[in-house]
Every structure is written in structure tokens, then in C-alpha cells.
Amino acid sequence: MEEKKQIILENVGKLYLKHGIKSITMDDVAQEFGISKKTLYQFFKDKESLVEEVINYYMENPHFNLNDENNGNPIDRIFALRIHLASILRVYNNNLEFDLKKQYPALYKKLHDFKRKKILNDNILNIEDGKKQGLFRKDIDTEFISKLNVGRMLLTMNPDHNIFDESELASIEIFDKTIDYHLHGICTEKGLKYYKEQLNSLQNEKQN
């Protein structure tokens, strides 16, 4: 039963990303998975509990871990995160954030607080690890740069502020340009050389 529930959570999350929350009913979910509403309610008592568990599931998703050493050095990990974000942006719909903020404000705040803390902690660990490996400059203020990244990600990427339009927010190019700006500011000569090698490799893959 737990495996079935996990499959539901993962795939309902994809539905929310694509269509938003408001338009997806419990009937839609039951139909999507070929189960009765009675069976669905054995897993989730109502739509709000489903939304909450989907949010929790994605907050614990290891794909968003910037410091998974299995993904290589700190620069490699940024590229690994990029691959996962690109797959999300292909289907992402801003209605998800709007619906969450309007219908489930407590969950919206929980998600916002989680993103703020996670981006900060991940950046601190990533930068410190990069310093140890000689990829990032030792003279930069890790906490300051990390907080700057939190502000940049949460403010400029928030559709409420109208800094970027919807088409720009749905493009991986924003992430690419942000990372390029970020790494050019913190990399050592060794780090910049490695970053450019990885960037060239990525661009060659796109062309093939």
C-alpha cells in the first residue's frame, strides 16, 4: 500500500505542476490511477491532506539535494540539479504557486520557508565544499553569497513581483544565466576552467 501511495504522490505532483491545484479534483485523481474514490480516500482523507502530502513528498525529494556527493564535485552537482529542474520546467505551470497561496496559505508558507532554508543551507555547504576543493575562491563570504542567492531565487523567480514574465520563468535559460553569473563571481581559475569545460560539454550535447 505504501508503494502505491508513493506512486500517487509523485504523479499527482506532476499533475499539479502541469495544471495547477485548483483544477485537479479527487475524481480526476481517482480516474487518472484507475481506482475508486473510496480507495483514494483510504490514502488521503480529503484534497487538502493530498495536497499537503504531495508538498511534503517533493520537499523530501533527493533530486533537489545540491550536496549529493554521488553527483560529483560542487560544480557537477549544480549541473545535476539543472537537469532535474529542466524536466520540471517543461511542464511547469505558475498556477501551482497561485493556487497554493490562495487556497492553502499555511502550506504555501511552509513551502516558502522550506525553500528559503534549503537554498541557504545547500548554498553554504556547496560553497564551502568548493573552497576545500580549490574550485571556489577562499576569500568570498560564504554566508553573504548564500543569502544573496536566496534573495535572488525567491524574489526574482516569484511571479508576484513581475520581474520576469511567464515564458521567461518557464525557461531553463534563467537558471543557466543565473548560475553563469554566480560561478563567474566565486570560481577560482581552476573552477572556472572546469565550469567552462562542463558548459561546453552540455552545449555540444544540445547540438547532437
N, C-alpha and C. Protein backbone atom coordinates (compact mmCIF):
# COMPACT_ATOMS: atom_id res chain seq x y z
N MET A 1 0.83 -1.21 0.00
CA MET A 1 0.00 0.00 0.00
C MET A 1 0.86 1.26 0.00
N GLU A 2 1.98 1.22 0.74
CA GLU A 2 2.85 2.38 0.83
C GLU A 2 3.47 2.71 -0.53
N GLU A 3 3.81 1.67 -1.29
CA GLU A 3 4.38 1.88 -2.62
C GLU A 3 3.36 2.53 -3.56
N LYS A 4 2.11 2.07 -3.46
CA LYS A 4 1.03 2.64 -4.28
C LYS A 4 0.83 4.11 -3.94
N LYS A 5 0.88 4.41 -2.65
CA LYS A 5 0.70 5.79 -2.20
C LYS A 5 1.82 6.68 -2.73
N GLN A 6 3.04 6.18 -2.72
CA GLN A 6 4.18 6.95 -3.21
C GLN A 6 4.04 7.25 -4.70
N ILE A 7 3.56 6.26 -5.45
CA ILE A 7 3.34 6.45 -6.89
C ILE A 7 2.29 7.53 -7.12
N ILE A 8 1.22 7.49 -6.31
CA ILE A 8 0.16 8.50 -6.42
C ILE A 8 0.73 9.89 -6.13
N LEU A 9 1.48 10.02 -5.05
CA LEU A 9 2.04 11.32 -4.66
C LEU A 9 2.94 11.89 -5.75
N GLU A 10 3.80 11.04 -6.29
CA GLU A 10 4.73 11.51 -7.33
C GLU A 10 3.99 11.99 -8.57
N ASN A 11 2.99 11.22 -8.98
CA ASN A 11 2.29 11.54 -10.22
C ASN A 11 1.25 12.65 -10.05
N VAL A 12 0.64 12.75 -8.88
CA VAL A 12 -0.26 13.87 -8.62
C VAL A 12 0.56 15.16 -8.61
N GLY A 13 1.77 15.08 -8.06
CA GLY A 13 2.66 16.24 -8.09
C GLY A 13 2.91 16.72 -9.51
N LYS A 14 3.07 15.78 -10.43
CA LYS A 14 3.28 16.14 -11.84
C LYS A 14 2.03 16.78 -12.43
N LEU A 15 0.85 16.28 -12.02
CA LEU A 15 -0.41 16.89 -12.48
C LEU A 15 -0.53 18.32 -11.98
N TYR A 16 -0.17 18.53 -10.71
CA TYR A 16 -0.23 19.88 -10.13
C TYR A 16 0.75 20.82 -10.84
N LEU A 17 1.94 20.31 -11.16
CA LEU A 17 2.93 21.13 -11.86
C LEU A 17 2.40 21.58 -13.22
N LYS A 18 1.69 20.69 -13.88
CA LYS A 18 1.22 20.97 -15.24
C LYS A 18 -0.06 21.78 -15.28
N HIS A 19 -0.98 21.50 -14.34
CA HIS A 19 -2.32 22.11 -14.42
C HIS A 19 -2.67 23.02 -13.24
N GLY A 20 -1.82 23.07 -12.22
CA GLY A 20 -2.20 23.77 -11.00
C GLY A 20 -2.96 22.84 -10.08
N ILE A 21 -3.36 23.34 -8.92
CA ILE A 21 -4.04 22.51 -7.92
C ILE A 21 -5.55 22.60 -8.04
N LYS A 22 -6.05 23.81 -8.24
CA LYS A 22 -7.49 24.05 -8.21
C LYS A 22 -8.25 23.19 -9.22
N SER A 23 -7.69 23.02 -10.41
CA SER A 23 -8.41 22.33 -11.48
C SER A 23 -8.39 20.81 -11.35
N ILE A 24 -7.55 20.27 -10.46
CA ILE A 24 -7.45 18.82 -10.29
C ILE A 24 -8.30 18.38 -9.11
N THR A 25 -9.39 17.66 -9.38
CA THR A 25 -10.29 17.19 -8.33
C THR A 25 -9.89 15.79 -7.88
N MET A 26 -10.50 15.35 -6.78
CA MET A 26 -10.26 13.98 -6.31
C MET A 26 -10.79 12.98 -7.34
N ASP A 27 -11.86 13.34 -8.03
CA ASP A 27 -12.38 12.49 -9.11
C ASP A 27 -11.34 12.32 -10.21
N ASP A 28 -10.67 13.42 -10.56
CA ASP A 28 -9.63 13.38 -11.59
C ASP A 28 -8.50 12.45 -11.18
N VAL A 29 -8.11 12.55 -9.91
CA VAL A 29 -7.00 11.72 -9.40
C VAL A 29 -7.38 10.24 -9.44
N ALA A 30 -8.59 9.93 -8.97
CA ALA A 30 -9.06 8.54 -8.97
C ALA A 30 -9.10 7.98 -10.39
N GLN A 31 -9.59 8.80 -11.30
CA GLN A 31 -9.69 8.36 -12.70
C GLN A 31 -8.30 8.18 -13.31
N GLU A 32 -7.39 9.08 -12.98
CA GLU A 32 -6.03 9.02 -13.52
C GLU A 32 -5.34 7.70 -13.17
N PHE A 33 -5.62 7.21 -11.96
CA PHE A 33 -4.94 5.99 -11.50
C PHE A 33 -5.81 4.75 -11.57
N GLY A 34 -7.01 4.91 -12.13
CA GLY A 34 -7.88 3.76 -12.32
C GLY A 34 -8.32 3.13 -11.01
N ILE A 35 -8.55 3.97 -10.01
CA ILE A 35 -9.02 3.47 -8.72
C ILE A 35 -10.31 4.18 -8.34
N SER A 36 -11.03 3.62 -7.40
CA SER A 36 -12.27 4.25 -6.95
C SER A 36 -11.94 5.38 -5.98
N LYS A 37 -12.89 6.30 -5.82
CA LYS A 37 -12.68 7.38 -4.84
C LYS A 37 -12.57 6.80 -3.43
N LYS A 38 -13.29 5.70 -3.20
CA LYS A 38 -13.24 5.06 -1.89
C LYS A 38 -11.81 4.60 -1.58
N THR A 39 -11.17 4.01 -2.58
CA THR A 39 -9.78 3.57 -2.39
C THR A 39 -8.87 4.76 -2.18
N LEU A 40 -9.09 5.83 -2.96
CA LEU A 40 -8.27 7.03 -2.83
C LEU A 40 -8.37 7.61 -1.43
N TYR A 41 -9.59 7.61 -0.88
CA TYR A 41 -9.80 8.18 0.46
C TYR A 41 -9.23 7.29 1.57
N GLN A 42 -8.82 6.08 1.21
CA GLN A 42 -8.11 5.25 2.19
C GLN A 42 -6.69 5.78 2.40
N PHE A 43 -6.18 6.43 1.37
CA PHE A 43 -4.84 7.01 1.44
C PHE A 43 -4.87 8.45 1.97
N PHE A 44 -5.87 9.21 1.54
CA PHE A 44 -5.95 10.64 1.87
C PHE A 44 -7.38 10.98 2.28
N LYS A 45 -7.56 11.60 3.43
CA LYS A 45 -8.91 11.84 3.94
C LYS A 45 -9.66 12.89 3.14
N ASP A 46 -8.93 13.83 2.50
CA ASP A 46 -9.57 14.86 1.67
C ASP A 46 -8.51 15.47 0.75
N LYS A 47 -8.93 16.42 -0.06
CA LYS A 47 -8.00 17.02 -1.02
C LYS A 47 -6.87 17.77 -0.32
N GLU A 48 -7.19 18.44 0.77
CA GLU A 48 -6.15 19.20 1.48
C GLU A 48 -5.04 18.28 1.99
N SER A 49 -5.42 17.11 2.51
CA SER A 49 -4.40 16.18 3.00
C SER A 49 -3.57 15.64 1.84
N LEU A 50 -4.20 15.46 0.68
CA LEU A 50 -3.46 15.03 -0.51
C LEU A 50 -2.45 16.09 -0.93
N VAL A 51 -2.91 17.34 -0.99
CA VAL A 51 -2.02 18.45 -1.36
C VAL A 51 -0.84 18.53 -0.39
N GLU A 52 -1.15 18.43 0.91
CA GLU A 52 -0.10 18.52 1.93
C GLU A 52 0.93 17.40 1.77
N GLU A 53 0.45 16.20 1.53
CA GLU A 53 1.39 15.07 1.40
C GLU A 53 2.20 15.15 0.11
N VAL A 54 1.60 15.70 -0.94
CA VAL A 54 2.35 15.91 -2.19
C VAL A 54 3.48 16.92 -1.95
N ILE A 55 3.15 18.01 -1.26
CA ILE A 55 4.16 19.04 -0.95
C ILE A 55 5.28 18.43 -0.11
N ASN A 56 4.91 17.66 0.92
CA ASN A 56 5.91 17.03 1.78
C ASN A 56 6.79 16.06 0.99
N TYR A 57 6.16 15.32 0.10
CA TYR A 57 6.90 14.33 -0.70
C TYR A 57 7.96 15.02 -1.56
N TYR A 58 7.58 16.12 -2.18
CA TYR A 58 8.53 16.80 -3.06
C TYR A 58 9.58 17.59 -2.28
N MET A 59 9.26 18.00 -1.06
CA MET A 59 10.25 18.69 -0.24
C MET A 59 11.36 17.72 0.18
N GLU A 60 11.01 16.44 0.28
CA GLU A 60 11.99 15.43 0.68
C GLU A 60 12.66 14.77 -0.51
N ASN A 61 12.35 15.24 -1.72
CA ASN A 61 12.87 14.63 -2.94
C ASN A 61 14.39 14.80 -3.04
N PRO A 62 15.14 13.68 -3.12
CA PRO A 62 16.61 13.79 -3.16
C PRO A 62 17.14 14.48 -4.41
N HIS A 63 16.33 14.59 -5.47
CA HIS A 63 16.79 15.25 -6.70
C HIS A 63 17.10 16.73 -6.46
N PHE A 64 16.51 17.30 -5.39
CA PHE A 64 16.74 18.71 -5.10
C PHE A 64 17.90 18.92 -4.14
N ASN A 65 18.64 17.85 -3.85
CA ASN A 65 19.77 17.96 -2.93
C ASN A 65 21.01 18.42 -3.69
N LEU A 66 21.42 19.64 -3.44
CA LEU A 66 22.56 20.22 -4.14
C LEU A 66 23.88 19.64 -3.66
N ASN A 67 23.85 18.89 -2.56
CA ASN A 67 25.10 18.42 -1.97
C ASN A 67 25.22 16.91 -1.93
N ASP A 68 24.59 16.24 -2.88
CA ASP A 68 24.73 14.79 -3.00
C ASP A 68 26.08 14.48 -3.64
N GLU A 69 26.99 13.92 -2.86
CA GLU A 69 28.35 13.67 -3.35
C GLU A 69 28.38 12.65 -4.48
N ASN A 70 27.31 11.89 -4.64
CA ASN A 70 27.24 10.94 -5.76
C ASN A 70 27.20 11.67 -7.10
N ASN A 71 26.87 12.97 -7.05
CA ASN A 71 26.79 13.77 -8.28
C ASN A 71 28.09 14.50 -8.59
N GLY A 72 29.19 14.09 -7.93
CA GLY A 72 30.49 14.68 -8.24
C GLY A 72 30.85 15.88 -7.38
N ASN A 73 31.67 16.76 -7.93
CA ASN A 73 32.12 17.93 -7.18
C ASN A 73 31.02 19.01 -7.15
N PRO A 74 31.24 20.11 -6.40
CA PRO A 74 30.19 21.13 -6.27
C PRO A 74 29.67 21.70 -7.58
N ILE A 75 30.52 21.81 -8.60
CA ILE A 75 30.06 22.32 -9.90
C ILE A 75 29.23 21.26 -10.62
N ASP A 76 29.69 20.00 -10.53
CA ASP A 76 28.91 18.90 -11.11
C ASP A 76 27.51 18.84 -10.52
N ARG A 77 27.41 19.09 -9.21
CA ARG A 77 26.12 19.00 -8.52
C ARG A 77 25.16 20.07 -9.00
N ILE A 78 25.70 21.24 -9.33
CA ILE A 78 24.86 22.30 -9.88
C ILE A 78 24.29 21.87 -11.23
N PHE A 79 25.12 21.24 -12.04
CA PHE A 79 24.65 20.75 -13.34
C PHE A 79 23.63 19.62 -13.17
N ALA A 80 23.82 18.77 -12.15
CA ALA A 80 22.87 17.69 -11.89
C ALA A 80 21.51 18.26 -11.49
N LEU A 81 21.53 19.32 -10.66
CA LEU A 81 20.30 19.99 -10.28
C LEU A 81 19.64 20.61 -11.49
N ARG A 82 20.44 21.16 -12.39
CA ARG A 82 19.91 21.77 -13.60
C ARG A 82 19.12 20.77 -14.44
N ILE A 83 19.63 19.56 -14.56
CA ILE A 83 18.95 18.52 -15.35
C ILE A 83 17.56 18.25 -14.79
N HIS A 84 17.48 18.17 -13.45
CA HIS A 84 16.18 17.90 -12.83
C HIS A 84 15.24 19.08 -12.98
N LEU A 85 15.75 20.29 -12.82
CA LEU A 85 14.92 21.48 -12.98
C LEU A 85 14.39 21.61 -14.40
N ALA A 86 15.22 21.26 -15.37
CA ALA A 86 14.81 21.34 -16.78
C ALA A 86 13.62 20.43 -17.04
N SER A 87 13.61 19.24 -16.43
CA SER A 87 12.50 18.31 -16.63
C SER A 87 11.21 18.85 -16.00
N ILE A 88 11.34 19.58 -14.90
CA ILE A 88 10.17 20.17 -14.24
C ILE A 88 9.64 21.35 -15.05
N LEU A 89 10.55 22.20 -15.53
CA LEU A 89 10.13 23.40 -16.25
C LEU A 89 9.43 23.09 -17.56
N ARG A 90 9.67 21.90 -18.10
CA ARG A 90 8.99 21.52 -19.35
C ARG A 90 7.48 21.43 -19.16
N VAL A 91 7.04 21.17 -17.92
CA VAL A 91 5.60 21.02 -17.68
C VAL A 91 5.07 22.04 -16.66
N TYR A 92 5.96 22.88 -16.12
CA TYR A 92 5.56 23.75 -15.00
C TYR A 92 4.54 24.80 -15.40
N ASN A 93 3.56 24.99 -14.52
CA ASN A 93 2.51 25.98 -14.71
C ASN A 93 2.47 26.85 -13.45
N ASN A 94 2.55 28.17 -13.63
CA ASN A 94 2.57 29.07 -12.47
C ASN A 94 1.33 28.98 -11.60
N ASN A 95 0.26 28.37 -12.14
CA ASN A 95 -0.96 28.24 -11.35
C ASN A 95 -0.73 27.47 -10.06
N LEU A 96 0.27 26.61 -10.04
CA LEU A 96 0.56 25.84 -8.83
C LEU A 96 0.81 26.76 -7.65
N GLU A 97 1.69 27.73 -7.81
CA GLU A 97 2.01 28.65 -6.71
C GLU A 97 0.82 29.54 -6.37
N PHE A 98 0.12 30.03 -7.40
CA PHE A 98 -1.04 30.89 -7.17
C PHE A 98 -2.12 30.14 -6.39
N ASP A 99 -2.41 28.90 -6.83
CA ASP A 99 -3.44 28.09 -6.17
C ASP A 99 -3.06 27.78 -4.73
N LEU A 100 -1.81 27.44 -4.54
CA LEU A 100 -1.34 27.09 -3.20
C LEU A 100 -1.45 28.30 -2.26
N LYS A 101 -1.05 29.46 -2.75
CA LYS A 101 -1.09 30.67 -1.94
C LYS A 101 -2.52 31.07 -1.59
N LYS A 102 -3.43 30.91 -2.54
CA LYS A 102 -4.81 31.34 -2.34
C LYS A 102 -5.63 30.34 -1.53
N GLN A 103 -5.48 29.04 -1.84
CA GLN A 103 -6.34 28.03 -1.22
C GLN A 103 -5.74 27.38 0.02
N TYR A 104 -4.41 27.32 0.06
CA TYR A 104 -3.75 26.65 1.19
C TYR A 104 -2.60 27.52 1.69
N PRO A 105 -2.91 28.69 2.27
CA PRO A 105 -1.86 29.63 2.67
C PRO A 105 -0.85 29.07 3.66
N ALA A 106 -1.31 28.19 4.56
CA ALA A 106 -0.39 27.60 5.54
C ALA A 106 0.63 26.70 4.84
N LEU A 107 0.16 25.94 3.85
CA LEU A 107 1.06 25.08 3.08
C LEU A 107 2.00 25.91 2.22
N TYR A 108 1.47 27.00 1.68
CA TYR A 108 2.31 27.90 0.86
C TYR A 108 3.45 28.46 1.70
N LYS A 109 3.13 28.90 2.93
CA LYS A 109 4.15 29.44 3.83
C LYS A 109 5.17 28.36 4.20
N LYS A 110 4.66 27.15 4.44
CA LYS A 110 5.54 26.04 4.79
C LYS A 110 6.52 25.76 3.65
N LEU A 111 6.01 25.75 2.42
CA LEU A 111 6.86 25.50 1.26
C LEU A 111 7.85 26.64 1.05
N HIS A 112 7.38 27.88 1.22
CA HIS A 112 8.25 29.05 1.05
C HIS A 112 9.38 29.02 2.08
N ASP A 113 9.04 28.73 3.34
CA ASP A 113 10.06 28.68 4.40
C ASP A 113 11.05 27.56 4.14
N PHE A 114 10.53 26.43 3.66
CA PHE A 114 11.40 25.29 3.35
C PHE A 114 12.38 25.66 2.24
N LYS A 115 11.87 26.29 1.18
CA LYS A 115 12.74 26.66 0.06
C LYS A 115 13.81 27.64 0.52
N ARG A 116 13.41 28.61 1.34
CA ARG A 116 14.36 29.61 1.83
C ARG A 116 15.49 28.94 2.63
N LYS A 117 15.11 28.07 3.56
CA LYS A 117 16.13 27.41 4.40
C LYS A 117 16.98 26.44 3.60
N LYS A 118 16.34 25.71 2.68
CA LYS A 118 17.08 24.71 1.91
C LYS A 118 18.07 25.37 0.94
N ILE A 119 17.61 26.41 0.25
CA ILE A 119 18.51 27.10 -0.68
C ILE A 119 19.71 27.67 0.08
N LEU A 120 19.44 28.25 1.26
CA LEU A 120 20.52 28.82 2.06
C LEU A 120 21.51 27.75 2.50
N ASN A 121 20.99 26.68 3.13
CA ASN A 121 21.87 25.62 3.64
C ASN A 121 22.63 24.92 2.51
N ASP A 122 21.93 24.65 1.41
CA ASP A 122 22.58 23.99 0.28
C ASP A 122 23.70 24.84 -0.31
N ASN A 123 23.45 26.15 -0.40
CA ASN A 123 24.47 27.04 -0.95
C ASN A 123 25.69 27.13 -0.04
N ILE A 124 25.45 27.21 1.26
CA ILE A 124 26.56 27.27 2.22
C ILE A 124 27.44 26.03 2.10
N LEU A 125 26.81 24.86 2.11
CA LEU A 125 27.57 23.61 2.02
C LEU A 125 28.29 23.48 0.69
N ASN A 126 27.61 23.88 -0.39
CA ASN A 126 28.19 23.78 -1.73
C ASN A 126 29.42 24.68 -1.86
N ILE A 127 29.29 25.91 -1.38
CA ILE A 127 30.41 26.86 -1.49
C ILE A 127 31.59 26.43 -0.62
N GLU A 128 31.30 25.99 0.61
CA GLU A 128 32.39 25.55 1.49
C GLU A 128 33.12 24.35 0.91
N ASP A 129 32.37 23.43 0.34
CA ASP A 129 32.98 22.25 -0.29
C ASP A 129 33.82 22.67 -1.50
N GLY A 130 33.30 23.64 -2.26
CA GLY A 130 34.04 24.14 -3.42
C GLY A 130 35.33 24.83 -3.03
N LYS A 131 35.32 25.52 -1.89
CA LYS A 131 36.54 26.15 -1.39
C LYS A 131 37.59 25.09 -1.05
N LYS A 132 37.14 24.03 -0.38
CA LYS A 132 38.06 22.96 0.03
C LYS A 132 38.70 22.28 -1.18
N GLN A 133 37.94 22.20 -2.27
CA GLN A 133 38.43 21.52 -3.47
C GLN A 133 39.17 22.47 -4.43
N GLY A 134 39.30 23.72 -4.01
CA GLY A 134 40.04 24.68 -4.83
C GLY A 134 39.27 25.18 -6.04
N LEU A 135 37.96 24.94 -6.05
CA LEU A 135 37.13 25.37 -7.18
C LEU A 135 36.57 26.78 -6.97
N PHE A 136 36.34 27.13 -5.70
CA PHE A 136 35.78 28.44 -5.36
C PHE A 136 36.79 29.24 -4.54
N ARG A 137 36.75 30.55 -4.70
CA ARG A 137 37.69 31.44 -4.01
C ARG A 137 37.53 31.36 -2.50
N LYS A 138 38.64 31.31 -1.81
CA LYS A 138 38.61 31.22 -0.35
C LYS A 138 38.28 32.56 0.31
N ASP A 139 38.43 33.66 -0.45
CA ASP A 139 38.25 34.98 0.15
C ASP A 139 36.80 35.46 0.13
N ILE A 140 35.88 34.69 -0.48
CA ILE A 140 34.49 35.15 -0.53
C ILE A 140 33.77 34.83 0.78
N ASP A 141 32.79 35.66 1.10
CA ASP A 141 31.98 35.47 2.31
C ASP A 141 30.87 34.47 1.99
N THR A 142 31.02 33.25 2.46
CA THR A 142 30.09 32.17 2.12
C THR A 142 28.66 32.50 2.49
N GLU A 143 28.46 32.98 3.71
CA GLU A 143 27.09 33.23 4.18
C GLU A 143 26.44 34.38 3.40
N PHE A 144 27.21 35.42 3.12
CA PHE A 144 26.67 36.56 2.37
C PHE A 144 26.25 36.13 0.96
N ILE A 145 27.13 35.42 0.26
CA ILE A 145 26.83 34.96 -1.09
C ILE A 145 25.61 34.04 -1.08
N SER A 146 25.53 33.18 -0.07
CA SER A 146 24.41 32.24 0.03
C SER A 146 23.09 32.98 0.25
N LYS A 147 23.11 33.99 1.12
CA LYS A 147 21.89 34.77 1.36
C LYS A 147 21.50 35.56 0.12
N LEU A 148 22.49 36.03 -0.61
CA LEU A 148 22.23 36.74 -1.86
C LEU A 148 21.51 35.81 -2.85
N ASN A 149 21.95 34.56 -2.89
CA ASN A 149 21.31 33.58 -3.77
C ASN A 149 19.88 33.29 -3.36
N VAL A 150 19.64 33.23 -2.04
CA VAL A 150 18.28 33.02 -1.55
C VAL A 150 17.37 34.14 -2.03
N GLY A 151 17.83 35.38 -1.84
CA GLY A 151 17.03 36.53 -2.27
C GLY A 151 16.79 36.53 -3.76
N ARG A 152 17.84 36.22 -4.50
CA ARG A 152 17.73 36.21 -5.96
C ARG A 152 16.73 35.15 -6.43
N MET A 153 16.81 33.97 -5.86
CA MET A 153 15.93 32.87 -6.28
C MET A 153 14.48 33.12 -5.87
N LEU A 154 14.27 33.55 -4.63
CA LEU A 154 12.91 33.68 -4.12
C LEU A 154 12.20 34.95 -4.59
N LEU A 155 12.95 36.01 -4.84
CA LEU A 155 12.32 37.27 -5.25
C LEU A 155 12.19 37.38 -6.77
N THR A 156 13.30 37.19 -7.48
CA THR A 156 13.23 37.38 -8.93
C THR A 156 12.44 36.28 -9.62
N MET A 157 12.40 35.07 -9.02
CA MET A 157 11.69 33.97 -9.65
C MET A 157 10.22 33.91 -9.24
N ASN A 158 9.80 34.81 -8.36
CA ASN A 158 8.41 34.83 -7.90
C ASN A 158 7.56 35.63 -8.88
N PRO A 159 6.54 34.98 -9.50
CA PRO A 159 5.72 35.69 -10.48
C PRO A 159 4.97 36.89 -9.91
N ASP A 160 4.78 36.92 -8.59
CA ASP A 160 4.07 38.05 -7.96
C ASP A 160 4.80 39.37 -8.18
N HIS A 161 6.12 39.31 -8.35
CA HIS A 161 6.91 40.54 -8.46
C HIS A 161 7.05 41.03 -9.90
N ASN A 162 6.61 40.23 -10.85
CA ASN A 162 6.61 40.61 -12.28
C ASN A 162 7.99 41.05 -12.78
N ILE A 163 9.04 40.44 -12.25
CA ILE A 163 10.39 40.76 -12.73
C ILE A 163 10.63 40.06 -14.06
N PHE A 164 10.21 38.79 -14.14
CA PHE A 164 10.26 38.04 -15.39
C PHE A 164 8.85 37.63 -15.78
N ASP A 165 8.58 37.57 -17.07
CA ASP A 165 7.24 37.14 -17.48
C ASP A 165 7.15 35.61 -17.43
N GLU A 166 5.95 35.08 -17.68
CA GLU A 166 5.72 33.64 -17.51
C GLU A 166 6.59 32.80 -18.43
N SER A 167 6.78 33.25 -19.66
CA SER A 167 7.59 32.47 -20.59
C SER A 167 9.05 32.40 -20.14
N GLU A 168 9.54 33.50 -19.54
CA GLU A 168 10.91 33.51 -19.04
C GLU A 168 11.06 32.60 -17.82
N LEU A 169 10.05 32.64 -16.94
CA LEU A 169 10.09 31.81 -15.74
C LEU A 169 10.02 30.33 -16.07
N ALA A 170 9.42 30.02 -17.21
CA ALA A 170 9.28 28.62 -17.62
C ALA A 170 10.48 28.12 -18.41
N SER A 171 11.50 28.95 -18.53
CA SER A 171 12.67 28.59 -19.33
C SER A 171 13.87 28.28 -18.45
N ILE A 172 14.60 27.22 -18.80
CA ILE A 172 15.81 26.86 -18.06
C ILE A 172 16.91 27.90 -18.27
N GLU A 173 16.74 28.78 -19.26
CA GLU A 173 17.76 29.80 -19.54
C GLU A 173 17.98 30.73 -18.36
N ILE A 174 16.92 30.99 -17.60
CA ILE A 174 17.08 31.86 -16.42
C ILE A 174 18.05 31.21 -15.44
N PHE A 175 17.86 29.92 -15.19
CA PHE A 175 18.75 29.19 -14.28
C PHE A 175 20.18 29.20 -14.83
N ASP A 176 20.32 28.95 -16.13
CA ASP A 176 21.65 28.91 -16.75
C ASP A 176 22.38 30.25 -16.60
N LYS A 177 21.66 31.34 -16.87
CA LYS A 177 22.29 32.67 -16.79
C LYS A 177 22.60 33.05 -15.35
N THR A 178 21.73 32.65 -14.43
CA THR A 178 21.97 32.93 -13.02
C THR A 178 23.20 32.19 -12.52
N ILE A 179 23.30 30.91 -12.90
CA ILE A 179 24.45 30.11 -12.49
C ILE A 179 25.74 30.63 -13.13
N ASP A 180 25.66 31.05 -14.37
CA ASP A 180 26.83 31.61 -15.06
C ASP A 180 27.33 32.85 -14.32
N TYR A 181 26.39 33.71 -13.96
CA TYR A 181 26.71 34.93 -13.21
C TYR A 181 27.33 34.57 -11.85
N HIS A 182 26.72 33.61 -11.18
CA HIS A 182 27.14 33.17 -9.85
C HIS A 182 28.56 32.58 -9.89
N LEU A 183 28.79 31.64 -10.80
CA LEU A 183 30.07 30.94 -10.84
C LEU A 183 31.21 31.84 -11.31
N HIS A 184 30.92 32.78 -12.21
CA HIS A 184 31.97 33.71 -12.62
C HIS A 184 32.41 34.61 -11.46
N GLY A 185 31.55 34.76 -10.48
CA GLY A 185 31.89 35.60 -9.34
C GLY A 185 32.63 34.87 -8.23
N ILE A 186 32.48 33.55 -8.14
CA ILE A 186 33.06 32.83 -6.99
C ILE A 186 34.15 31.83 -7.37
N CYS A 187 34.28 31.50 -8.64
CA CYS A 187 35.23 30.45 -9.05
C CYS A 187 36.68 30.93 -9.03
N THR A 188 37.56 30.01 -8.69
CA THR A 188 38.99 30.23 -8.90
C THR A 188 39.28 29.98 -10.38
N GLU A 189 40.52 30.18 -10.78
CA GLU A 189 40.88 29.88 -12.18
C GLU A 189 40.62 28.41 -12.49
N LYS A 190 40.94 27.55 -11.54
CA LYS A 190 40.70 26.11 -11.70
C LYS A 190 39.20 25.82 -11.84
N GLY A 191 38.41 26.45 -10.98
CA GLY A 191 36.97 26.23 -11.01
C GLY A 191 36.34 26.73 -12.29
N LEU A 192 36.78 27.91 -12.73
CA LEU A 192 36.23 28.50 -13.95
C LEU A 192 36.56 27.64 -15.18
N LYS A 193 37.78 27.10 -15.19
CA LYS A 193 38.20 26.22 -16.29
C LYS A 193 37.30 24.98 -16.32
N TYR A 194 37.06 24.41 -15.14
CA TYR A 194 36.23 23.20 -15.08
C TYR A 194 34.78 23.51 -15.48
N TYR A 195 34.28 24.64 -14.99
CA TYR A 195 32.90 25.05 -15.33
C TYR A 195 32.74 25.20 -16.84
N LYS A 196 33.70 25.86 -17.49
CA LYS A 196 33.60 26.08 -18.93
C LYS A 196 33.68 24.77 -19.71
N GLU A 197 34.47 23.83 -19.20
CA GLU A 197 34.54 22.51 -19.83
C GLU A 197 33.19 21.81 -19.76
N GLN A 198 32.56 21.88 -18.59
CA GLN A 198 31.26 21.24 -18.41
C GLN A 198 30.19 21.94 -19.25
N LEU A 199 30.29 23.26 -19.33
CA LEU A 199 29.34 24.04 -20.12
C LEU A 199 29.46 23.71 -21.60
N ASN A 200 30.69 23.60 -22.08
CA ASN A 200 30.91 23.23 -23.49
C ASN A 200 30.38 21.84 -23.78
N SER A 201 30.57 20.93 -22.83
CA SER A 201 30.07 19.57 -22.99
C SER A 201 28.55 19.57 -23.08
N LEU A 202 27.90 20.38 -22.24
CA LEU A 202 26.44 20.48 -22.26
C LEU A 202 25.95 21.06 -23.58
N GLN A 203 26.63 22.09 -24.06
CA GLN A 203 26.23 22.73 -25.32
C GLN A 203 26.43 21.80 -26.51
N ASN A 204 27.47 20.98 -26.46
CA ASN A 204 27.70 20.00 -27.53
C ASN A 204 26.62 18.93 -27.55
N GLU A 205 26.15 18.55 -26.35
CA GLU A 205 25.07 17.56 -26.24
C GLU A 205 23.79 18.10 -26.87
N LYS A 206 23.53 19.39 -26.66
CA LYS A 206 22.33 20.02 -27.22
C LYS A 206 22.36 19.99 -28.75
N GLN A 207 23.55 20.18 -29.31
CA GLN A 207 23.68 20.27 -30.76
C GLN A 207 23.59 18.90 -31.44
N ASN A 208 23.91 17.84 -30.69
CA ASN A 208 23.90 16.49 -31.27
C ASN A 208 22.52 15.84 -31.19
